[in-house]
Amino acid sequence: SQIGAQLGISQMHVCRLLAQSLDRLRGWMDEEAARAG
């Protein structure tokens, strides 16, 4: 069960990292669009 808990924590970490990366990417694309427009 300990391994399961660790897996759950790492999954949470990955999801959070992915969400942050997506937010950063979205903001960067918005900046690029504003610069191009």
PDB file of N, CA and C in Angstrom:
ATOM      1  N   SER A   1       0.848  -1.205   0.000  1.00  0.00           N
ATOM      2  CA  SER A   1       0.000   0.000   0.000  1.00  0.00           C
ATOM      3  C   SER A   1       0.877   1.247   0.000  1.00  0.00           C
ATOM      4  N   GLN A   2       2.092   1.101   0.564  1.00  0.00           N
ATOM      5  CA  GLN A   2       2.991   2.263   0.587  1.00  0.00           C
ATOM      6  C   GLN A   2       3.363   2.660  -0.846  1.00  0.00           C
ATOM      7  N   ILE A   3       3.646   1.634  -1.671  1.00  0.00           N
ATOM      8  CA  ILE A   3       3.994   1.914  -3.069  1.00  0.00           C
ATOM      9  C   ILE A   3       2.825   2.600  -3.768  1.00  0.00           C
ATOM     10  N   GLY A   4       1.610   2.143  -3.477  1.00  0.00           N
ATOM     11  CA  GLY A   4       0.433   2.757  -4.082  1.00  0.00           C
ATOM     12  C   GLY A   4       0.338   4.223  -3.698  1.00  0.00           C
ATOM     13  N   ALA A   5       0.606   4.521  -2.426  1.00  0.00           N
ATOM     14  CA  ALA A   5       0.539   5.914  -1.974  1.00  0.00           C
ATOM     15  C   ALA A   5       1.588   6.740  -2.702  1.00  0.00           C
ATOM     16  N   GLN A   6       2.805   6.193  -2.832  1.00  0.00           N
ATOM     17  CA  GLN A   6       3.866   6.926  -3.529  1.00  0.00           C
ATOM     18  C   GLN A   6       3.482   7.165  -4.985  1.00  0.00           C
ATOM     19  N   LEU A   7       2.885   6.144  -5.608  1.00  0.00           N
ATOM     20  CA  LEU A   7       2.453   6.292  -7.000  1.00  0.00           C
ATOM     21  C   LEU A   7       1.410   7.396  -7.115  1.00  0.00           C
ATOM     22  N   GLY A   8       0.465   7.417  -6.178  1.00  0.00           N
ATOM     23  CA  GLY A   8      -0.565   8.451  -6.212  1.00  0.00           C
ATOM     24  C   GLY A   8       0.050   9.833  -6.083  1.00  0.00           C
ATOM     25  N   ILE A   9       1.034   9.966  -5.171  1.00  0.00           N
ATOM     26  CA  ILE A   9       1.676  11.274  -4.965  1.00  0.00           C
ATOM     27  C   ILE A   9       2.411  11.692  -6.239  1.00  0.00           C
ATOM     28  N   SER A  10       3.159  10.750  -6.833  1.00  0.00           N
ATOM     29  CA  SER A  10       3.910  11.097  -8.040  1.00  0.00           C
ATOM     30  C   SER A  10       2.951  11.464  -9.171  1.00  0.00           C
ATOM     31  N   GLN A  11       1.823  10.742  -9.257  1.00  0.00           N
ATOM     32  CA  GLN A  11       0.833  11.070 -10.292  1.00  0.00           C
ATOM     33  C   GLN A  11       0.316  12.493 -10.095  1.00  0.00           C
ATOM     34  N   MET A  12       0.046  12.846  -8.826  1.00  0.00           N
ATOM     35  CA  MET A  12      -0.431  14.193  -8.526  1.00  0.00           C
ATOM     36  C   MET A  12       0.620  15.210  -8.966  1.00  0.00           C
ATOM     37  N   HIS A  13       1.891  14.906  -8.656  1.00  0.00           N
ATOM     38  CA  HIS A  13       2.978  15.806  -9.036  1.00  0.00           C
ATOM     39  C   HIS A  13       3.001  16.006 -10.553  1.00  0.00           C
ATOM     40  N   VAL A  14       2.929  14.893 -11.279  1.00  0.00           N
ATOM     41  CA  VAL A  14       2.981  14.965 -12.743  1.00  0.00           C
ATOM     42  C   VAL A  14       1.825  15.798 -13.281  1.00  0.00           C
ATOM     43  N   CYS A  15       0.626  15.561 -12.745  1.00  0.00           N
ATOM     44  CA  CYS A  15      -0.546  16.308 -13.212  1.00  0.00           C
ATOM     45  C   CYS A  15      -0.349  17.800 -12.966  1.00  0.00           C
ATOM     46  N   ARG A  16       0.164  18.137 -11.774  1.00  0.00           N
ATOM     47  CA  ARG A  16       0.360  19.549 -11.444  1.00  0.00           C
ATOM     48  C   ARG A  16       1.406  20.164 -12.371  1.00  0.00           C
ATOM     49  N   LEU A  17       2.494  19.419 -12.611  1.00  0.00           N
ATOM     50  CA  LEU A  17       3.543  19.926 -13.496  1.00  0.00           C
ATOM     51  C   LEU A  17       2.983  20.139 -14.900  1.00  0.00           C
ATOM     52  N   LEU A  18       2.185  19.181 -15.372  1.00  0.00           N
ATOM     53  CA  LEU A  18       1.591  19.307 -16.704  1.00  0.00           C
ATOM     54  C   LEU A  18       0.691  20.536 -16.771  1.00  0.00           C
ATOM     55  N   ALA A  19      -0.110  20.744 -15.738  1.00  0.00           N
ATOM     56  CA  ALA A  19      -1.012  21.896 -15.716  1.00  0.00           C
ATOM     57  C   ALA A  19      -0.209  23.189 -15.765  1.00  0.00           C
ATOM     58  N   GLN A  20       0.876  23.266 -14.985  1.00  0.00           N
ATOM     59  CA  GLN A  20       1.705  24.475 -14.977  1.00  0.00           C
ATOM     60  C   GLN A  20       2.323  24.698 -16.348  1.00  0.00           C
ATOM     61  N   SER A  21       2.833  23.616 -16.954  1.00  0.00           N
ATOM     62  CA  SER A  21       3.448  23.739 -18.276  1.00  0.00           C
ATOM     63  C   SER A  21       2.428  24.237 -19.296  1.00  0.00           C
ATOM     64  N   LEU A  22       1.207  23.691 -19.235  1.00  0.00           N
ATOM     65  CA  LEU A  22       0.166  24.104 -20.176  1.00  0.00           C
ATOM     66  C   LEU A  22      -0.166  25.578 -19.983  1.00  0.00           C
ATOM     67  N   ASP A  23      -0.265  26.018 -18.725  1.00  0.00           N
ATOM     68  CA  ASP A  23      -0.568  27.428 -18.458  1.00  0.00           C
ATOM     69  C   ASP A  23       0.530  28.310 -19.040  1.00  0.00           C
ATOM     70  N   ARG A  24       1.794  27.919 -18.807  1.00  0.00           N
ATOM     71  CA  ARG A  24       2.916  28.714 -19.305  1.00  0.00           C
ATOM     72  C   ARG A  24       2.883  28.766 -20.827  1.00  0.00           C
ATOM     73  N   LEU A  25       2.626  27.593 -21.443  1.00  0.00           N
ATOM     74  CA  LEU A  25       2.583  27.510 -22.903  1.00  0.00           C
ATOM     75  C   LEU A  25       1.466  28.394 -23.445  1.00  0.00           C
ATOM     76  N   ARG A  26       0.308  28.354 -22.779  1.00  0.00           N
ATOM     77  CA  ARG A  26      -0.834  29.151 -23.240  1.00  0.00           C
ATOM     78  C   ARG A  26      -0.485  30.639 -23.170  1.00  0.00           C
ATOM     79  N   GLY A  27       0.116  31.064 -22.068  1.00  0.00           N
ATOM     80  CA  GLY A  27       0.490  32.468 -21.922  1.00  0.00           C
ATOM     81  C   GLY A  27       1.509  32.866 -22.984  1.00  0.00           C
ATOM     82  N   TRP A  28       2.479  31.970 -23.266  1.00  0.00           N
ATOM     83  CA  TRP A  28       3.495  32.276 -24.265  1.00  0.00           C
ATOM     84  C   TRP A  28       2.852  32.415 -25.650  1.00  0.00           C
ATOM     85  N   MET A  29       1.910  31.519 -25.958  1.00  0.00           N
ATOM     86  CA  MET A  29       1.230  31.591 -27.253  1.00  0.00           C
ATOM     87  C   MET A  29       0.410  32.873 -27.349  1.00  0.00           C
ATOM     88  N   ASP A  30      -0.223  33.270 -26.244  1.00  0.00           N
ATOM     89  CA  ASP A  30      -0.993  34.520 -26.243  1.00  0.00           C
ATOM     90  C   ASP A  30      -0.061  35.692 -26.529  1.00  0.00           C
ATOM     91  N   GLU A  31       1.123  35.697 -25.893  1.00  0.00           N
ATOM     92  CA  GLU A  31       2.083  36.779 -26.127  1.00  0.00           C
ATOM     93  C   GLU A  31       2.502  36.803 -27.591  1.00  0.00           C
ATOM     94  N   GLU A  32       2.791  35.614 -28.141  1.00  0.00           N
ATOM     95  CA  GLU A  32       3.196  35.536 -29.546  1.00  0.00           C
ATOM     96  C   GLU A  32       2.086  36.063 -30.452  1.00  0.00           C
ATOM     97  N   ALA A  33       0.849  35.693 -30.159  1.00  0.00           N
ATOM     98  CA  ALA A  33      -0.283  36.136 -30.975  1.00  0.00           C
ATOM     99  C   ALA A  33      -0.412  37.656 -30.891  1.00  0.00           C
ATOM    100  N   ALA A  34      -0.278  38.208 -29.694  1.00  0.00           N
ATOM    101  CA  ALA A  34      -0.397  39.659 -29.522  1.00  0.00           C
ATOM    102  C   ALA A  34       0.732  40.357 -30.285  1.00  0.00           C
ATOM    103  N   ARG A  35       1.932  39.768 -30.244  1.00  0.00           N
ATOM    104  CA  ARG A  35       3.069  40.372 -30.924  1.00  0.00           C
ATOM    105  C   ARG A  35       2.867  40.333 -32.442  1.00  0.00           C
ATOM    106  N   ALA A  36       2.309  39.214 -32.929  1.00  0.00           N
ATOM    107  CA  ALA A  36       2.117  39.061 -34.370  1.00  0.00           C
ATOM    108  C   ALA A  36       0.941  39.915 -34.842  1.00  0.00           C
ATOM    109  N   GLY A  37      -0.110  39.975 -34.021  1.00  0.00           N
ATOM    110  CA  GLY A  37      -1.314  40.705 -34.427  1.00  0.00           C
ATOM    111  C   GLY A  37      -1.075  42.189 -34.424  1.00  0.00           C
TER     112      GLY A  37
END
